[in-house]
Amino acid sequence: METKFWDRAVGALRGGRLFTESLDRRAKWSARWAGRLGRSDRGMTTSEYAVGTIAACAFAAVLYKVVNSGPVLSALQSLVEGALDAKF
């Protein structure tokens, strides 16, 4: 039994059938998992940029509304006035 193990190990190190089959299976699985078999990735970056830009604009709009609300605006104004009136 021990000789079979070493034979398999040496065969794997030398690029034997066991090693190459596992690499082929791993490569096919990872390619299938990534969705790259038979499909192109062109245009994907453009759509990612578009989604990112829309998300950034939505976040900026929400932030603008929050900062221009009454309580936040008065808090910011008092903070700036306190900083300008500080005694050194």
Protein backbone atom coordinates (compact mmCIF):
# COMPACT_ATOMS: atom_id res chain seq x y z
CA MET A 1 0.00 0.00 0.00
CA GLU A 2 2.80 2.40 0.80
CA THR A 3 4.45 1.86 -2.58
CA LYS A 4 1.21 2.77 -4.36
CA PHE A 5 1.09 6.02 -2.44
CA TRP A 6 4.65 6.91 -3.38
CA ASP A 7 4.08 5.91 -6.99
CA ARG A 8 1.08 8.22 -7.14
CA ALA A 9 3.00 11.02 -5.44
CA VAL A 10 5.95 10.71 -7.83
CA GLY A 11 3.58 10.55 -10.78
CA ALA A 12 1.84 13.69 -9.60
CA LEU A 13 5.13 15.52 -9.22
CA ARG A 14 6.25 14.47 -12.68
CA GLY A 15 3.05 15.67 -14.30
CA GLY A 16 1.34 12.32 -14.32
CA ARG A 17 -2.29 11.66 -15.10
CA LEU A 18 -3.53 12.20 -11.54
CA PHE A 19 -2.02 15.67 -11.27
CA THR A 20 -3.03 16.92 -14.71
CA GLU A 21 -6.61 15.64 -14.37
CA SER A 22 -7.05 17.49 -11.10
CA LEU A 23 -5.67 20.67 -12.67
CA ASP A 24 -7.98 20.30 -15.66
CA ARG A 25 -10.96 19.78 -13.38
CA ARG A 26 -9.99 22.76 -11.24
CA ALA A 27 -9.52 24.99 -14.29
CA LYS A 28 -12.85 23.98 -15.79
CA TRP A 29 -14.64 24.45 -12.47
CA SER A 30 -13.15 27.87 -11.86
CA ALA A 31 -13.89 28.96 -15.43
CA ARG A 32 -17.47 27.74 -15.14
CA TRP A 33 -17.84 29.37 -11.74
CA ALA A 34 -16.56 32.66 -13.08
CA GLY A 35 -18.96 32.40 -16.03
CA ARG A 36 -16.24 32.62 -18.61
CA LEU A 37 -17.01 29.59 -20.76
CA GLY A 38 -18.31 30.78 -24.09
CA ARG A 39 -19.10 34.32 -22.95
CA SER A 40 -17.26 37.55 -23.38
CA ASP A 41 -16.67 40.09 -20.63
CA ARG A 42 -16.71 43.10 -22.92
CA GLY A 43 -19.00 45.87 -21.77
CA MET A 44 -18.94 44.70 -18.18
CA THR A 45 -16.69 47.51 -17.00
CA THR A 46 -18.91 50.11 -18.63
CA SER A 47 -21.97 48.86 -16.79
CA GLU A 48 -20.04 48.69 -13.53
CA TYR A 49 -18.98 52.31 -13.97
CA ALA A 50 -22.57 53.28 -14.73
CA VAL A 51 -23.91 51.58 -11.61
CA GLY A 52 -21.15 53.13 -9.51
CA THR A 53 -21.86 56.59 -10.91
CA ILE A 54 -25.58 56.28 -10.23
CA ALA A 55 -24.89 55.09 -6.68
CA ALA A 56 -22.48 57.98 -6.08
CA CYS A 57 -25.04 60.50 -7.38
CA ALA A 58 -27.76 59.03 -5.17
CA PHE A 59 -25.48 59.20 -2.14
CA ALA A 60 -24.57 62.81 -2.97
CA ALA A 61 -28.26 63.74 -3.25
CA VAL A 62 -29.06 62.17 0.12
CA LEU A 63 -26.06 63.86 1.72
CA TYR A 64 -27.08 67.23 0.24
CA LYS A 65 -30.59 66.86 1.66
CA VAL A 66 -29.25 65.91 5.10
CA VAL A 67 -26.72 68.74 5.25
CA ASN A 68 -29.27 71.32 4.11
CA SER A 69 -31.87 70.21 6.66
CA GLY A 70 -32.64 72.62 9.49
CA PRO A 71 -31.06 70.85 12.48
CA VAL A 72 -27.86 69.91 10.70
CA LEU A 73 -27.50 73.35 9.13
CA SER A 74 -27.88 75.08 12.51
CA ALA A 75 -25.41 72.65 14.12
CA LEU A 76 -22.85 73.31 11.39
CA GLN A 77 -23.42 77.04 11.67
CA SER A 78 -22.90 77.01 15.44
CA LEU A 79 -19.77 74.88 15.00
CA VAL A 80 -18.28 77.36 12.52
CA GLU A 81 -19.25 80.33 14.67
CA GLY A 82 -17.70 78.68 17.72
CA ALA A 83 -14.49 78.06 15.80
CA LEU A 84 -14.33 81.65 14.58
CA ASP A 85 -15.05 83.12 18.01
CA ALA A 86 -12.40 81.04 19.77
CA LYS A 87 -9.97 82.96 21.95
CA PHE A 88 -6.30 82.25 21.46
